């Protein structure tokens, strides 16, 4: 097993490591999202609140599928680059 694969297997390589600048932007966006969700949650009542929660859950499920597909597509693209570089090149 190569060193890189072994390190990845043991969790010593973080595949989604963010730069400090991106991490700060993501934190800022997440804070805005949380504050807006809290405001809506405290404002909405009854059926409107239920509909909002259904929307949030559906959106989260959509993001989970979309992000997973993007990761797989990116991984496959990287594998194609490696194959072309070392085998087909």
Protein backbone atom coordinates (compact mmCIF):
# COMPACT_ATOMS: atom_id res chain seq x y z
CA UNK A 1 0.00 0.00 0.00
CA UNK A 2 1.40 3.40 -0.92
CA UNK A 3 2.20 5.91 1.82
CA UNK A 4 -0.47 8.33 0.63
CA UNK A 5 -3.22 5.70 0.59
CA UNK A 6 -2.19 4.42 4.00
CA UNK A 7 -2.20 7.94 5.47
CA UNK A 8 -5.62 8.58 3.94
CA UNK A 9 -6.96 5.28 5.31
CA UNK A 10 -5.81 6.11 8.84
CA UNK A 11 -7.41 9.55 8.67
CA UNK A 12 -4.19 11.53 8.55
CA UNK A 13 -5.21 13.31 5.35
CA UNK A 14 -8.22 15.60 5.45
CA UNK A 15 -9.82 15.55 1.99
CA UNK A 16 -11.81 18.71 2.63
CA UNK A 17 -9.24 20.90 4.28
CA UNK A 18 -10.13 24.58 3.93
CA UNK A 19 -7.79 27.51 3.69
CA UNK A 20 -8.12 29.98 6.59
CA UNK A 21 -9.67 32.55 4.23
CA UNK A 22 -12.30 30.13 2.99
CA UNK A 23 -12.98 28.84 6.51
CA UNK A 24 -13.65 32.41 7.68
CA UNK A 25 -16.04 33.03 4.75
CA UNK A 26 -17.84 29.76 5.39
CA UNK A 27 -18.18 30.56 9.09
CA UNK A 28 -19.60 33.99 8.24
CA UNK A 29 -22.12 32.50 5.80
CA UNK A 30 -23.10 29.79 8.29
CA UNK A 31 -23.66 32.38 11.03
CA UNK A 32 -25.95 34.37 8.71
CA UNK A 33 -27.83 31.20 7.82
CA UNK A 34 -28.29 30.25 11.47
CA UNK A 35 -29.45 33.73 12.48
CA UNK A 36 -31.99 33.88 9.64
CA UNK A 37 -33.26 30.40 10.44
CA UNK A 38 -33.69 31.37 14.11
CA UNK A 39 -35.59 34.51 13.12
CA UNK A 40 -37.91 32.59 10.81
CA UNK A 41 -38.38 29.81 13.35
CA UNK A 42 -39.43 32.28 16.04
CA UNK A 43 -41.72 34.20 13.66
CA UNK A 44 -43.54 31.40 11.91
CA UNK A 45 -46.36 29.48 13.55
CA UNK A 46 -48.42 26.39 12.80
CA UNK A 47 -48.60 25.25 9.19
CA UNK A 48 -46.14 27.92 8.02
CA UNK A 49 -43.55 26.68 10.51
CA UNK A 50 -44.13 23.05 9.46
CA UNK A 51 -43.76 24.01 5.79
CA UNK A 52 -40.53 25.90 6.54
CA UNK A 53 -39.10 22.90 8.40
CA UNK A 54 -40.06 20.61 5.52
CA UNK A 55 -38.32 23.01 3.14
CA UNK A 56 -35.15 23.10 5.28
CA UNK A 57 -35.08 19.30 5.52
CA UNK A 58 -35.66 18.86 1.78
CA UNK A 59 -32.92 21.40 1.03
CA UNK A 60 -30.49 19.60 3.34
CA UNK A 61 -31.26 16.27 1.68
CA UNK A 62 -30.74 17.84 -1.75
CA UNK A 63 -27.39 19.29 -0.66
CA UNK A 64 -26.25 15.95 0.74
CA UNK A 65 -26.94 14.19 -2.57
CA UNK A 66 -25.46 17.03 -4.62
CA UNK A 67 -22.28 17.33 -2.56
CA UNK A 68 -21.76 13.56 -2.63
CA UNK A 69 -22.15 13.53 -6.41
CA UNK A 70 -19.71 16.45 -6.76
CA UNK A 71 -17.15 14.64 -4.61
CA UNK A 72 -17.48 11.47 -6.68
CA UNK A 73 -17.22 13.41 -9.96
CA UNK A 74 -14.13 15.24 -8.72
CA UNK A 75 -12.53 12.02 -7.57
CA UNK A 76 -13.21 10.39 -10.94
CA UNK A 77 -11.77 13.39 -12.76
CA UNK A 78 -8.62 13.18 -10.66
CA UNK A 79 -8.35 9.47 -11.38
CA UNK A 80 -8.64 10.18 -15.10
CA UNK A 81 -5.83 12.75 -14.87
CA UNK A 82 -3.64 10.23 -13.01
CA UNK A 83 -4.45 7.48 -15.50
CA UNK A 84 -3.70 9.73 -18.45
CA UNK A 85 -0.46 10.90 -16.85
CA UNK A 86 0.94 7.53 -15.87
CA UNK A 87 -0.72 4.95 -18.12
CA UNK A 88 -2.06 6.50 -21.27
CA UNK A 89 0.47 9.34 -21.54
